[in-house]
């Protein structure tokens, strides 16, 4: 992804300011948590994909940055909730939100982030992007429930494994690519191609991540 960062380096710099500026609150505690999230943010692969796919159709616009911001906020919200479900005390080498501020506050933080994303897309009246991300969130929740249902089985089939990662990791990748493309492409068939590309990229990403986990596991 280093080449991708170079291609849209100025756009990513603007996005960072956009992201930081949007994660604010008049509630002091919530503001402290947002600042902690910003300090420990990840590689921002999903917003990067949204911006790259948007660039394929022309110059970036406000809808392009909205698409990138939405996926980063929604992904962050999902991670906050995931850490509660998984009872994880760490995230990206630092304490998780629930480890520092307890589960009750973490649930509310994740909810707040989700609704901040919803308010953003509604304020822009961008129903296409809202449709793309709403569909992705539904898939992700269903994938999480399916994973919880199947987690106790040692003989998890390949078809179920791909169904889970296709619904979880791949859904955000696919929606980021489609939402970004929809900001500069008018052809829905083109947007669908970017959606499929993102889905394939998400599956490949999760496969690689799981292989690293397996190779580093104690045996």
N, C-alpha and C. Protein backbone atom coordinates (compact mmCIF):
# COMPACT_ATOMS: atom_id res chain seq x y z
N UNK A 1 0.81 -1.21 0.00
CA UNK A 1 0.00 0.00 0.00
C UNK A 1 0.85 1.28 0.00
N UNK A 2 2.16 1.12 0.03
CA UNK A 2 3.03 2.30 0.05
C UNK A 2 2.88 3.13 -1.21
N UNK A 3 2.76 2.45 -2.37
CA UNK A 3 2.58 3.17 -3.63
C UNK A 3 1.26 3.92 -3.61
N UNK A 4 0.22 3.28 -3.09
CA UNK A 4 -1.09 3.92 -3.02
C UNK A 4 -1.03 5.19 -2.17
N UNK A 5 -0.28 5.13 -1.07
CA UNK A 5 -0.14 6.29 -0.20
C UNK A 5 0.53 7.46 -0.93
N UNK A 6 1.51 7.13 -1.78
CA UNK A 6 2.20 8.17 -2.53
C UNK A 6 1.27 8.81 -3.55
N UNK A 7 0.44 7.99 -4.20
CA UNK A 7 -0.46 8.48 -5.24
C UNK A 7 -1.46 9.49 -4.68
N UNK A 8 -1.94 9.23 -3.47
CA UNK A 8 -2.96 10.12 -2.89
C UNK A 8 -2.47 10.72 -1.57
N UNK A 9 -1.20 11.03 -1.50
CA UNK A 9 -0.61 11.53 -0.25
C UNK A 9 -1.27 12.83 0.21
N UNK A 10 -1.50 13.76 -0.70
CA UNK A 10 -2.12 15.04 -0.32
C UNK A 10 -3.57 14.83 0.10
N UNK A 11 -4.27 13.92 -0.60
CA UNK A 11 -5.66 13.63 -0.25
C UNK A 11 -5.76 12.95 1.12
N UNK A 12 -4.80 12.07 1.43
CA UNK A 12 -4.78 11.41 2.73
C UNK A 12 -4.51 12.41 3.86
N UNK A 13 -3.66 13.38 3.58
CA UNK A 13 -3.37 14.42 4.58
C UNK A 13 -4.63 15.22 4.88
N UNK A 14 -5.38 15.54 3.83
CA UNK A 14 -6.64 16.25 4.02
C UNK A 14 -7.64 15.38 4.77
N UNK A 15 -7.67 14.10 4.43
CA UNK A 15 -8.59 13.18 5.10
C UNK A 15 -8.27 13.09 6.59
N UNK A 16 -7.00 13.04 6.96
CA UNK A 16 -6.62 12.97 8.37
C UNK A 16 -7.16 14.17 9.15
N UNK A 17 -7.07 15.35 8.54
CA UNK A 17 -7.61 16.55 9.18
C UNK A 17 -9.13 16.46 9.29
N UNK A 18 -9.76 15.94 8.24
CA UNK A 18 -11.21 15.77 8.21
C UNK A 18 -11.65 14.81 9.32
N UNK A 19 -10.96 13.69 9.43
CA UNK A 19 -11.27 12.67 10.42
C UNK A 19 -11.09 13.21 11.84
N UNK A 20 -9.96 13.84 12.09
CA UNK A 20 -9.67 14.40 13.41
C UNK A 20 -10.67 15.48 13.78
N UNK A 21 -11.00 16.33 12.82
CA UNK A 21 -11.94 17.41 13.09
C UNK A 21 -13.35 16.94 13.36
N UNK A 22 -13.72 15.79 12.77
CA UNK A 22 -15.08 15.29 12.93
C UNK A 22 -15.26 14.55 14.26
N UNK A 23 -14.18 13.97 14.76
CA UNK A 23 -14.27 13.23 16.03
C UNK A 23 -14.07 14.20 17.20
N UNK A 24 -15.08 14.99 17.43
CA UNK A 24 -15.07 15.91 18.57
C UNK A 24 -16.41 15.83 19.28
N UNK A 25 -16.42 16.26 20.52
CA UNK A 25 -17.66 16.26 21.30
C UNK A 25 -17.58 17.33 22.38
N UNK A 26 -18.75 17.84 22.77
CA UNK A 26 -18.81 18.81 23.87
C UNK A 26 -18.75 18.11 25.23
N UNK A 27 -18.86 16.77 25.21
CA UNK A 27 -18.75 15.99 26.45
C UNK A 27 -17.27 15.68 26.70
N UNK A 28 -16.68 16.19 27.77
CA UNK A 28 -15.23 16.04 28.00
C UNK A 28 -14.74 14.58 27.95
N UNK A 29 -15.45 13.67 28.58
CA UNK A 29 -15.03 12.27 28.60
C UNK A 29 -15.03 11.69 27.19
N UNK A 30 -16.08 11.97 26.43
CA UNK A 30 -16.16 11.46 25.06
C UNK A 30 -15.05 12.05 24.20
N UNK A 31 -14.75 13.31 24.43
CA UNK A 31 -13.66 13.95 23.69
C UNK A 31 -12.32 13.30 24.02
N UNK A 32 -12.11 12.94 25.29
CA UNK A 32 -10.88 12.25 25.69
C UNK A 32 -10.76 10.89 24.98
N UNK A 33 -11.88 10.19 24.89
CA UNK A 33 -11.87 8.88 24.23
C UNK A 33 -11.62 9.02 22.74
N UNK A 34 -12.24 10.03 22.12
CA UNK A 34 -12.00 10.27 20.69
C UNK A 34 -10.52 10.59 20.44
N UNK A 35 -9.93 11.39 21.30
CA UNK A 35 -8.50 11.72 21.15
C UNK A 35 -7.64 10.47 21.30
N UNK A 36 -8.04 9.58 22.18
CA UNK A 36 -7.31 8.31 22.36
C UNK A 36 -7.44 7.46 21.10
N UNK A 37 -8.63 7.42 20.51
CA UNK A 37 -8.85 6.67 19.28
C UNK A 37 -8.00 7.22 18.15
N UNK A 38 -7.96 8.54 18.02
CA UNK A 38 -7.17 9.18 16.97
C UNK A 38 -5.68 8.87 17.15
N UNK A 39 -5.22 8.91 18.39
CA UNK A 39 -3.81 8.64 18.69
C UNK A 39 -3.42 7.22 18.32
N UNK A 40 -4.35 6.27 18.47
CA UNK A 40 -4.05 4.86 18.22
C UNK A 40 -4.78 4.33 16.98
N UNK A 41 -5.01 5.20 16.02
CA UNK A 41 -5.71 4.78 14.80
C UNK A 41 -4.84 3.79 14.01
N UNK A 42 -5.49 3.03 13.15
CA UNK A 42 -4.80 2.01 12.37
C UNK A 42 -4.20 2.55 11.09
N UNK A 43 -4.04 1.65 10.12
CA UNK A 43 -3.41 2.03 8.85
C UNK A 43 -4.37 2.73 7.89
N UNK A 44 -5.63 2.76 8.24
CA UNK A 44 -6.67 3.43 7.44
C UNK A 44 -6.74 2.87 6.01
N UNK A 45 -6.67 1.56 5.91
CA UNK A 45 -6.72 0.91 4.60
C UNK A 45 -8.06 1.14 3.92
N UNK A 46 -9.15 1.07 4.66
CA UNK A 46 -10.48 1.19 4.06
C UNK A 46 -10.75 2.58 3.50
N UNK A 47 -10.48 3.66 4.24
CA UNK A 47 -10.66 4.98 3.62
C UNK A 47 -9.69 5.21 2.45
N UNK A 48 -8.51 4.61 2.53
CA UNK A 48 -7.56 4.73 1.43
C UNK A 48 -8.14 4.10 0.16
N UNK A 49 -8.76 2.93 0.33
CA UNK A 49 -9.40 2.26 -0.81
C UNK A 49 -10.53 3.12 -1.37
N UNK A 50 -11.31 3.73 -0.49
CA UNK A 50 -12.41 4.58 -0.95
C UNK A 50 -11.89 5.74 -1.80
N UNK A 51 -10.81 6.37 -1.34
CA UNK A 51 -10.25 7.51 -2.06
C UNK A 51 -9.60 7.07 -3.39
N UNK A 52 -8.92 5.92 -3.36
CA UNK A 52 -8.29 5.42 -4.58
C UNK A 52 -9.33 5.08 -5.65
N UNK A 53 -10.41 4.42 -5.23
CA UNK A 53 -11.46 4.05 -6.18
C UNK A 53 -12.17 5.29 -6.71
N UNK A 54 -12.32 6.31 -5.87
CA UNK A 54 -12.92 7.56 -6.32
C UNK A 54 -12.03 8.23 -7.36
N UNK A 55 -10.72 8.19 -7.14
CA UNK A 55 -9.78 8.80 -8.08
C UNK A 55 -9.83 8.15 -9.45
N UNK A 56 -10.21 6.89 -9.51
CA UNK A 56 -10.32 6.19 -10.79
C UNK A 56 -11.38 6.83 -11.69
N UNK A 57 -12.33 7.53 -11.09
CA UNK A 57 -13.41 8.14 -11.88
C UNK A 57 -13.26 9.63 -12.08
N UNK A 58 -12.21 10.22 -11.53
CA UNK A 58 -12.00 11.66 -11.69
C UNK A 58 -11.47 12.29 -10.42
N UNK A 59 -11.56 13.60 -10.34
CA UNK A 59 -11.06 14.33 -9.18
C UNK A 59 -11.93 14.04 -7.96
N UNK A 60 -11.30 14.01 -6.80
CA UNK A 60 -12.04 13.78 -5.58
C UNK A 60 -12.92 14.98 -5.24
N UNK A 61 -14.05 14.69 -4.63
CA UNK A 61 -14.99 15.74 -4.23
C UNK A 61 -15.45 15.49 -2.80
N UNK A 62 -16.38 16.29 -2.34
CA UNK A 62 -16.84 16.18 -0.96
C UNK A 62 -17.47 14.81 -0.69
N UNK A 63 -18.16 14.25 -1.67
CA UNK A 63 -18.77 12.93 -1.50
C UNK A 63 -17.69 11.86 -1.35
N UNK A 64 -16.56 12.04 -2.02
CA UNK A 64 -15.45 11.09 -1.92
C UNK A 64 -14.91 11.04 -0.50
N UNK A 65 -14.69 12.22 0.07
CA UNK A 65 -14.17 12.29 1.44
C UNK A 65 -15.21 11.81 2.45
N UNK A 66 -16.47 12.06 2.16
CA UNK A 66 -17.54 11.57 3.03
C UNK A 66 -17.54 10.04 3.04
N UNK A 67 -17.38 9.43 1.86
CA UNK A 67 -17.34 7.97 1.75
C UNK A 67 -16.19 7.40 2.56
N UNK A 68 -15.03 8.05 2.48
CA UNK A 68 -13.84 7.59 3.22
C UNK A 68 -14.02 7.78 4.72
N UNK A 69 -14.57 8.91 5.12
CA UNK A 69 -14.77 9.19 6.54
C UNK A 69 -15.79 8.23 7.15
N UNK A 70 -16.85 7.95 6.41
CA UNK A 70 -17.88 7.05 6.91
C UNK A 70 -17.33 5.67 7.21
N UNK A 71 -16.56 5.11 6.28
CA UNK A 71 -16.06 3.75 6.49
C UNK A 71 -15.08 3.69 7.65
N UNK A 72 -14.30 4.75 7.84
CA UNK A 72 -13.35 4.75 8.96
C UNK A 72 -14.09 4.86 10.31
N UNK A 73 -15.11 5.70 10.36
CA UNK A 73 -15.87 5.84 11.60
C UNK A 73 -16.64 4.57 11.92
N UNK A 74 -17.30 4.00 10.90
CA UNK A 74 -18.07 2.77 11.11
C UNK A 74 -17.16 1.60 11.49
N UNK A 75 -16.00 1.54 10.84
CA UNK A 75 -15.04 0.48 11.18
C UNK A 75 -14.54 0.64 12.61
N UNK A 76 -14.26 1.86 13.01
CA UNK A 76 -13.81 2.13 14.38
C UNK A 76 -14.89 1.73 15.38
N UNK A 77 -16.13 2.07 15.09
CA UNK A 77 -17.25 1.69 15.96
C UNK A 77 -17.35 0.18 16.09
N UNK A 78 -17.16 -0.52 14.98
CA UNK A 78 -17.25 -1.99 15.01
C UNK A 78 -16.12 -2.59 15.85
N UNK A 79 -14.94 -1.98 15.82
CA UNK A 79 -13.81 -2.48 16.61
C UNK A 79 -14.07 -2.28 18.11
N UNK A 80 -14.65 -1.13 18.46
CA UNK A 80 -14.98 -0.86 19.87
C UNK A 80 -15.95 -1.91 20.38
N UNK A 81 -16.96 -2.21 19.58
CA UNK A 81 -17.95 -3.22 19.97
C UNK A 81 -17.34 -4.63 19.96
N UNK A 82 -16.48 -4.91 18.99
CA UNK A 82 -15.83 -6.23 18.91
C UNK A 82 -15.01 -6.52 20.16
N UNK A 83 -14.30 -5.52 20.65
CA UNK A 83 -13.47 -5.72 21.84
C UNK A 83 -14.31 -6.05 23.07
N UNK A 84 -15.53 -5.52 23.11
CA UNK A 84 -16.43 -5.85 24.22
C UNK A 84 -16.88 -7.30 24.09
N UNK A 85 -17.31 -7.68 22.89
CA UNK A 85 -17.79 -9.04 22.64
C UNK A 85 -16.69 -10.06 22.91
N UNK A 86 -15.48 -9.74 22.45
CA UNK A 86 -14.34 -10.66 22.59
C UNK A 86 -13.66 -10.56 23.94
N UNK A 87 -14.08 -9.60 24.76
CA UNK A 87 -13.45 -9.34 26.06
C UNK A 87 -11.95 -9.09 25.91
N UNK A 88 -11.62 -8.35 24.86
CA UNK A 88 -10.22 -8.06 24.56
C UNK A 88 -9.76 -6.83 25.33
N UNK A 89 -8.57 -6.92 25.91
CA UNK A 89 -8.01 -5.81 26.67
C UNK A 89 -7.02 -4.98 25.85
N UNK A 90 -6.71 -5.43 24.63
CA UNK A 90 -5.74 -4.72 23.79
C UNK A 90 -6.29 -4.52 22.39
N UNK A 91 -5.82 -3.43 21.77
CA UNK A 91 -6.14 -3.14 20.38
C UNK A 91 -4.96 -2.36 19.81
N UNK A 92 -4.33 -2.93 18.77
CA UNK A 92 -3.19 -2.28 18.10
C UNK A 92 -2.06 -1.94 19.07
N UNK A 93 -1.78 -2.87 19.96
CA UNK A 93 -0.66 -2.70 20.87
C UNK A 93 -0.92 -1.75 22.02
N UNK A 94 -2.17 -1.32 22.18
CA UNK A 94 -2.51 -0.42 23.29
C UNK A 94 -3.76 -0.96 23.99
N UNK A 95 -4.10 -0.37 25.12
CA UNK A 95 -5.30 -0.79 25.81
C UNK A 95 -6.54 -0.50 24.96
N UNK A 96 -7.50 -1.42 24.98
CA UNK A 96 -8.76 -1.21 24.28
C UNK A 96 -9.60 -0.19 25.05
N UNK A 97 -10.66 0.31 24.40
CA UNK A 97 -11.52 1.30 25.05
C UNK A 97 -12.19 0.69 26.28
N UNK A 98 -12.66 -0.55 26.17
CA UNK A 98 -13.33 -1.18 27.30
C UNK A 98 -12.37 -1.48 28.45
N UNK A 99 -11.09 -1.68 28.15
CA UNK A 99 -10.11 -1.92 29.20
C UNK A 99 -9.88 -0.66 30.04
N UNK A 100 -9.95 0.49 29.38
CA UNK A 100 -9.69 1.75 30.07
C UNK A 100 -10.95 2.39 30.66
N UNK A 101 -12.09 2.22 29.97
CA UNK A 101 -13.29 2.96 30.40
C UNK A 101 -14.50 2.07 30.70
N UNK A 102 -14.35 0.77 30.71
CA UNK A 102 -15.38 -0.23 31.01
C UNK A 102 -16.34 -0.46 29.85
N UNK A 103 -17.10 -1.54 29.96
CA UNK A 103 -17.97 -1.97 28.86
C UNK A 103 -19.14 -1.02 28.61
N UNK A 104 -19.74 -0.50 29.66
CA UNK A 104 -20.90 0.37 29.49
C UNK A 104 -20.54 1.60 28.65
N UNK A 105 -19.43 2.24 29.00
CA UNK A 105 -19.00 3.42 28.25
C UNK A 105 -18.61 3.03 26.83
N UNK A 106 -17.98 1.87 26.67
CA UNK A 106 -17.55 1.43 25.34
C UNK A 106 -18.73 1.19 24.41
N UNK A 107 -19.80 0.60 24.94
CA UNK A 107 -21.01 0.41 24.12
C UNK A 107 -21.54 1.75 23.64
N UNK A 108 -21.59 2.72 24.53
CA UNK A 108 -22.10 4.04 24.18
C UNK A 108 -21.18 4.75 23.20
N UNK A 109 -19.87 4.57 23.34
CA UNK A 109 -18.92 5.17 22.41
C UNK A 109 -19.11 4.60 21.01
N UNK A 110 -19.22 3.27 20.92
CA UNK A 110 -19.46 2.64 19.63
C UNK A 110 -20.76 3.10 19.01
N UNK A 111 -21.80 3.22 19.82
CA UNK A 111 -23.10 3.71 19.32
C UNK A 111 -22.99 5.15 18.85
N UNK A 112 -22.28 5.96 19.63
CA UNK A 112 -22.11 7.37 19.27
C UNK A 112 -21.40 7.52 17.93
N UNK A 113 -20.36 6.72 17.72
CA UNK A 113 -19.64 6.76 16.45
C UNK A 113 -20.54 6.36 15.29
N UNK A 114 -21.35 5.33 15.50
CA UNK A 114 -22.25 4.87 14.45
C UNK A 114 -23.24 5.96 14.05
N UNK A 115 -23.78 6.65 15.05
CA UNK A 115 -24.77 7.69 14.75
C UNK A 115 -24.11 8.96 14.21
N UNK A 116 -22.86 9.21 14.57
CA UNK A 116 -22.14 10.32 13.96
C UNK A 116 -21.99 10.07 12.45
N UNK A 117 -21.72 8.82 12.11
CA UNK A 117 -21.60 8.45 10.70
C UNK A 117 -22.94 8.64 9.99
N UNK A 118 -24.01 8.20 10.64
CA UNK A 118 -25.34 8.32 10.05
C UNK A 118 -25.72 9.79 9.85
N UNK A 119 -25.44 10.62 10.83
CA UNK A 119 -25.75 12.04 10.72
C UNK A 119 -24.96 12.70 9.59
N UNK A 120 -23.72 12.26 9.41
CA UNK A 120 -22.89 12.83 8.35
C UNK A 120 -23.50 12.57 6.98
N UNK A 121 -23.86 11.32 6.73
CA UNK A 121 -24.39 10.97 5.41
C UNK A 121 -25.78 11.57 5.19
N UNK A 122 -26.57 11.70 6.25
CA UNK A 122 -27.88 12.32 6.11
C UNK A 122 -27.77 13.83 5.86
N UNK A 123 -26.78 14.46 6.49
CA UNK A 123 -26.59 15.90 6.28
C UNK A 123 -26.18 16.19 4.85
N UNK A 124 -25.48 15.23 4.23
CA UNK A 124 -25.09 15.38 2.83
C UNK A 124 -26.15 14.87 1.86
N UNK A 125 -27.21 14.27 2.40
CA UNK A 125 -28.32 13.72 1.61
C UNK A 125 -27.82 12.76 0.54
N UNK A 126 -26.85 11.94 0.93
CA UNK A 126 -26.24 11.00 -0.02
C UNK A 126 -26.84 9.60 0.23
N UNK A 127 -27.98 9.36 -0.37
CA UNK A 127 -28.70 8.11 -0.12
C UNK A 127 -27.99 6.91 -0.72
N UNK A 128 -27.24 7.12 -1.79
CA UNK A 128 -26.52 6.00 -2.42
C UNK A 128 -25.46 5.45 -1.47
N UNK A 129 -24.66 6.32 -0.90
CA UNK A 129 -23.62 5.89 0.03
C UNK A 129 -24.24 5.30 1.29
N UNK A 130 -25.35 5.89 1.73
CA UNK A 130 -26.05 5.35 2.90
C UNK A 130 -26.52 3.92 2.63
N UNK A 131 -27.05 3.69 1.45
CA UNK A 131 -27.51 2.35 1.08
C UNK A 131 -26.35 1.35 1.06
N UNK A 132 -25.22 1.76 0.51
CA UNK A 132 -24.05 0.89 0.41
C UNK A 132 -23.56 0.47 1.80
N UNK A 133 -23.41 1.44 2.69
CA UNK A 133 -22.88 1.14 4.02
C UNK A 133 -23.88 0.44 4.93
N UNK A 134 -25.16 0.77 4.79
CA UNK A 134 -26.18 0.09 5.59
C UNK A 134 -26.21 -1.40 5.26
N UNK A 135 -26.11 -1.71 3.98
CA UNK A 135 -26.07 -3.11 3.55
C UNK A 135 -24.85 -3.81 4.12
N UNK A 136 -23.71 -3.12 4.13
CA UNK A 136 -22.47 -3.70 4.65
C UNK A 136 -22.58 -3.99 6.15
N UNK A 137 -23.16 -3.05 6.90
CA UNK A 137 -23.30 -3.23 8.34
C UNK A 137 -24.19 -4.43 8.66
N UNK A 138 -25.25 -4.58 7.89
CA UNK A 138 -26.13 -5.74 8.09
C UNK A 138 -25.36 -7.04 7.87
N UNK A 139 -24.55 -7.09 6.82
CA UNK A 139 -23.74 -8.29 6.54
C UNK A 139 -22.75 -8.56 7.67
N UNK A 140 -22.13 -7.50 8.17
CA UNK A 140 -21.11 -7.65 9.21
C UNK A 140 -21.73 -8.20 10.50
N UNK A 141 -22.89 -7.68 10.87
CA UNK A 141 -23.57 -8.17 12.08
C UNK A 141 -23.96 -9.63 11.92
N UNK A 142 -24.48 -9.98 10.75
CA UNK A 142 -24.86 -11.37 10.51
C UNK A 142 -23.63 -12.28 10.52
N UNK A 143 -22.52 -11.78 9.98
CA UNK A 143 -21.28 -12.55 9.98
C UNK A 143 -20.75 -12.76 11.39
N UNK A 144 -20.88 -11.74 12.23
CA UNK A 144 -20.44 -11.85 13.63
C UNK A 144 -21.27 -12.88 14.38
N UNK A 145 -22.57 -12.85 14.16
CA UNK A 145 -23.45 -13.82 14.82
C UNK A 145 -23.15 -15.23 14.33
N UNK A 146 -22.92 -15.37 13.03
CA UNK A 146 -22.58 -16.69 12.48
C UNK A 146 -21.28 -17.20 13.08
N UNK A 147 -20.30 -16.32 13.24
CA UNK A 147 -19.02 -16.72 13.83
C UNK A 147 -19.20 -17.16 15.28
N UNK A 148 -20.00 -16.43 16.03
CA UNK A 148 -20.27 -16.82 17.42
C UNK A 148 -20.98 -18.17 17.49
N UNK A 149 -21.88 -18.40 16.55
CA UNK A 149 -22.62 -19.66 16.51
C UNK A 149 -21.71 -20.84 16.21
N UNK A 150 -20.73 -20.61 15.31
CA UNK A 150 -19.88 -21.70 14.85
C UNK A 150 -18.55 -21.80 15.60
N UNK A 151 -18.27 -20.85 16.50
CA UNK A 151 -16.93 -20.77 17.10
C UNK A 151 -16.56 -21.98 17.94
N UNK A 152 -17.53 -22.69 18.48
CA UNK A 152 -17.23 -23.83 19.34
C UNK A 152 -16.98 -25.11 18.56
N UNK A 153 -17.20 -25.05 17.26
CA UNK A 153 -17.01 -26.26 16.45
C UNK A 153 -15.58 -26.31 15.91
N UNK A 154 -14.91 -27.42 16.14
CA UNK A 154 -13.52 -27.56 15.69
C UNK A 154 -13.44 -27.94 14.21
N UNK A 155 -14.54 -28.43 13.66
CA UNK A 155 -14.54 -28.87 12.27
C UNK A 155 -15.22 -27.85 11.36
N UNK A 156 -14.88 -26.59 11.56
CA UNK A 156 -15.47 -25.51 10.75
C UNK A 156 -15.13 -25.72 9.29
N UNK A 157 -16.15 -25.82 8.45
CA UNK A 157 -15.94 -26.08 7.03
C UNK A 157 -15.42 -24.87 6.28
N UNK A 158 -14.78 -25.12 5.15
CA UNK A 158 -14.22 -24.03 4.34
C UNK A 158 -15.32 -23.10 3.86
N UNK A 159 -16.48 -23.65 3.52
CA UNK A 159 -17.58 -22.82 3.02
C UNK A 159 -18.08 -21.85 4.10
N UNK A 160 -18.16 -22.33 5.35
CA UNK A 160 -18.60 -21.47 6.44
C UNK A 160 -17.54 -20.41 6.74
N UNK A 161 -16.26 -20.81 6.69
CA UNK A 161 -15.17 -19.86 6.93
C UNK A 161 -15.23 -18.70 5.94
N UNK A 162 -15.40 -19.02 4.65
CA UNK A 162 -15.46 -17.97 3.63
C UNK A 162 -16.74 -17.15 3.75
N UNK A 163 -17.80 -17.78 4.22
CA UNK A 163 -19.04 -17.03 4.44
C UNK A 163 -18.84 -16.00 5.56
N UNK A 164 -18.12 -16.39 6.60
CA UNK A 164 -17.88 -15.49 7.73
C UNK A 164 -16.98 -14.31 7.32
N UNK A 165 -15.86 -14.60 6.69
CA UNK A 165 -14.95 -13.49 6.34
C UNK A 165 -15.52 -12.64 5.21
N UNK A 166 -16.35 -13.27 4.37
CA UNK A 166 -17.00 -12.50 3.31
C UNK A 166 -18.01 -11.53 3.87
N UNK A 167 -18.65 -11.91 4.98
CA UNK A 167 -19.64 -11.04 5.61
C UNK A 167 -19.00 -10.02 6.54
N UNK A 168 -17.85 -10.35 7.13
CA UNK A 168 -17.23 -9.44 8.09
C UNK A 168 -16.18 -8.54 7.43
N UNK A 169 -14.97 -9.02 7.28
CA UNK A 169 -13.88 -8.20 6.74
C UNK A 169 -14.18 -7.69 5.33
N UNK A 170 -14.62 -8.58 4.46
CA UNK A 170 -14.81 -8.21 3.05
C UNK A 170 -15.91 -7.18 2.86
N UNK A 171 -16.91 -7.17 3.73
CA UNK A 171 -18.04 -6.26 3.56
C UNK A 171 -17.60 -4.80 3.66
N UNK A 172 -16.72 -4.47 4.60
CA UNK A 172 -16.24 -3.09 4.73
C UNK A 172 -15.33 -2.72 3.55
N UNK A 173 -14.49 -3.64 3.12
CA UNK A 173 -13.63 -3.38 1.97
C UNK A 173 -14.49 -3.10 0.73
N UNK A 174 -15.48 -3.97 0.51
CA UNK A 174 -16.34 -3.84 -0.66
C UNK A 174 -17.13 -2.53 -0.64
N UNK A 175 -17.68 -2.21 0.52
CA UNK A 175 -18.50 -0.99 0.62
C UNK A 175 -17.63 0.26 0.48
N UNK A 176 -16.41 0.22 0.99
CA UNK A 176 -15.51 1.37 0.86
C UNK A 176 -15.20 1.64 -0.62
N UNK A 177 -14.89 0.58 -1.34
CA UNK A 177 -14.58 0.72 -2.77
C UNK A 177 -15.80 1.20 -3.56
N UNK A 178 -16.96 0.62 -3.27
CA UNK A 178 -18.18 1.00 -3.98
C UNK A 178 -18.61 2.43 -3.66
N UNK A 179 -18.53 2.79 -2.38
CA UNK A 179 -18.93 4.14 -1.97
C UNK A 179 -17.99 5.19 -2.58
N UNK A 180 -16.70 4.90 -2.55
CA UNK A 180 -15.75 5.82 -3.17
C UNK A 180 -16.01 5.97 -4.66
N UNK A 181 -16.22 4.85 -5.34
CA UNK A 181 -16.47 4.88 -6.79
C UNK A 181 -17.76 5.62 -7.11
N UNK A 182 -18.77 5.45 -6.25
CA UNK A 182 -20.06 6.08 -6.52
C UNK A 182 -20.00 7.61 -6.47
N UNK A 183 -18.92 8.14 -5.86
CA UNK A 183 -18.78 9.59 -5.75
C UNK A 183 -18.26 10.22 -7.05
N UNK A 184 -17.71 9.41 -7.95
CA UNK A 184 -17.16 9.96 -9.20
C UNK A 184 -17.65 9.23 -10.45
N UNK A 185 -18.23 8.04 -10.29
CA UNK A 185 -18.78 7.29 -11.42
C UNK A 185 -20.30 7.42 -11.43
N UNK A 186 -20.88 7.59 -12.60
CA UNK A 186 -22.34 7.65 -12.73
C UNK A 186 -22.94 6.32 -13.15
N UNK A 187 -22.09 5.40 -13.58
CA UNK A 187 -22.52 4.09 -14.07
C UNK A 187 -22.56 3.09 -12.92
N UNK A 188 -23.75 2.59 -12.59
CA UNK A 188 -23.89 1.64 -11.48
C UNK A 188 -23.14 0.34 -11.73
N UNK A 189 -23.02 -0.05 -13.00
CA UNK A 189 -22.30 -1.29 -13.31
C UNK A 189 -20.82 -1.14 -12.98
N UNK A 190 -20.27 0.05 -13.14
CA UNK A 190 -18.88 0.31 -12.77
C UNK A 190 -18.71 0.26 -11.25
N UNK A 191 -19.66 0.84 -10.55
CA UNK A 191 -19.63 0.83 -9.09
C UNK A 191 -19.68 -0.61 -8.57
N UNK A 192 -20.48 -1.45 -9.21
CA UNK A 192 -20.59 -2.85 -8.81
C UNK A 192 -19.27 -3.59 -9.00
N UNK A 193 -18.54 -3.23 -10.05
CA UNK A 193 -17.23 -3.85 -10.29
C UNK A 193 -16.26 -3.49 -9.18
N UNK A 194 -16.31 -2.26 -8.72
CA UNK A 194 -15.45 -1.85 -7.60
C UNK A 194 -15.87 -2.56 -6.32
N UNK A 195 -17.16 -2.79 -6.17
CA UNK A 195 -17.66 -3.52 -5.01
C UNK A 195 -17.09 -4.94 -4.99
N UNK A 196 -17.09 -5.59 -6.15
CA UNK A 196 -16.56 -6.95 -6.24
C UNK A 196 -15.06 -6.97 -6.00
N UNK A 197 -14.37 -5.97 -6.54
CA UNK A 197 -12.92 -5.86 -6.29
C UNK A 197 -12.64 -5.73 -4.80
N UNK A 198 -13.41 -4.87 -4.13
CA UNK A 198 -13.21 -4.68 -2.69
C UNK A 198 -13.49 -5.94 -1.90
N UNK A 199 -14.51 -6.67 -2.31
CA UNK A 199 -14.83 -7.93 -1.63
C UNK A 199 -13.67 -8.91 -1.75
N UNK A 200 -13.13 -9.05 -2.95
CA UNK A 200 -11.99 -9.95 -3.17
C UNK A 200 -10.77 -9.51 -2.38
N UNK A 201 -10.54 -8.19 -2.35
CA UNK A 201 -9.40 -7.66 -1.59
C UNK A 201 -9.57 -7.92 -0.10
N UNK A 202 -10.80 -7.79 0.40
CA UNK A 202 -11.07 -8.04 1.82
C UNK A 202 -10.86 -9.49 2.20
N UNK A 203 -11.28 -10.40 1.33
CA UNK A 203 -11.09 -11.83 1.59
C UNK A 203 -9.59 -12.15 1.60
N UNK A 204 -8.87 -11.60 0.63
CA UNK A 204 -7.42 -11.84 0.58
C UNK A 204 -6.73 -11.27 1.82
N UNK A 205 -7.15 -10.11 2.25
CA UNK A 205 -6.59 -9.47 3.45
C UNK A 205 -6.79 -10.35 4.68
N UNK A 206 -8.01 -10.88 4.84
CA UNK A 206 -8.31 -11.71 6.01
C UNK A 206 -7.59 -13.05 5.95
N UNK A 207 -7.48 -13.62 4.76
CA UNK A 207 -6.73 -14.87 4.60
C UNK A 207 -5.29 -14.69 5.06
N UNK A 208 -4.68 -13.61 4.60
CA UNK A 208 -3.29 -13.33 4.98
C UNK A 208 -3.18 -13.11 6.48
N UNK A 209 -4.12 -12.38 7.06
CA UNK A 209 -4.11 -12.10 8.49
C UNK A 209 -4.25 -13.39 9.30
N UNK A 210 -5.16 -14.26 8.88
CA UNK A 210 -5.36 -15.53 9.59
C UNK A 210 -4.16 -16.46 9.45
N UNK A 211 -3.51 -16.42 8.29
CA UNK A 211 -2.32 -17.25 8.09
C UNK A 211 -1.19 -16.81 9.01
N UNK A 212 -1.05 -15.48 9.19
CA UNK A 212 -0.04 -14.97 10.11
C UNK A 212 -0.34 -15.41 11.53
N UNK A 213 -1.62 -15.35 11.92
CA UNK A 213 -2.01 -15.77 13.27
C UNK A 213 -1.70 -17.26 13.47
N UNK A 214 -1.97 -18.05 12.44
CA UNK A 214 -1.75 -19.50 12.53
C UNK A 214 -0.26 -19.81 12.62
N UNK A 215 0.55 -19.11 11.81
CA UNK A 215 1.99 -19.38 11.80
C UNK A 215 2.66 -18.93 13.08
N UNK A 216 2.05 -17.93 13.76
CA UNK A 216 2.64 -17.42 15.01
C UNK A 216 2.09 -18.12 16.24
N UNK A 217 1.13 -19.01 16.03
CA UNK A 217 0.51 -19.69 17.19
C UNK A 217 1.46 -20.69 17.81
N UNK A 218 1.32 -20.88 19.11
CA UNK A 218 2.14 -21.87 19.81
C UNK A 218 1.65 -23.27 19.45
N UNK A 219 2.58 -24.15 19.09
CA UNK A 219 2.23 -25.52 18.72
C UNK A 219 3.10 -26.50 19.51
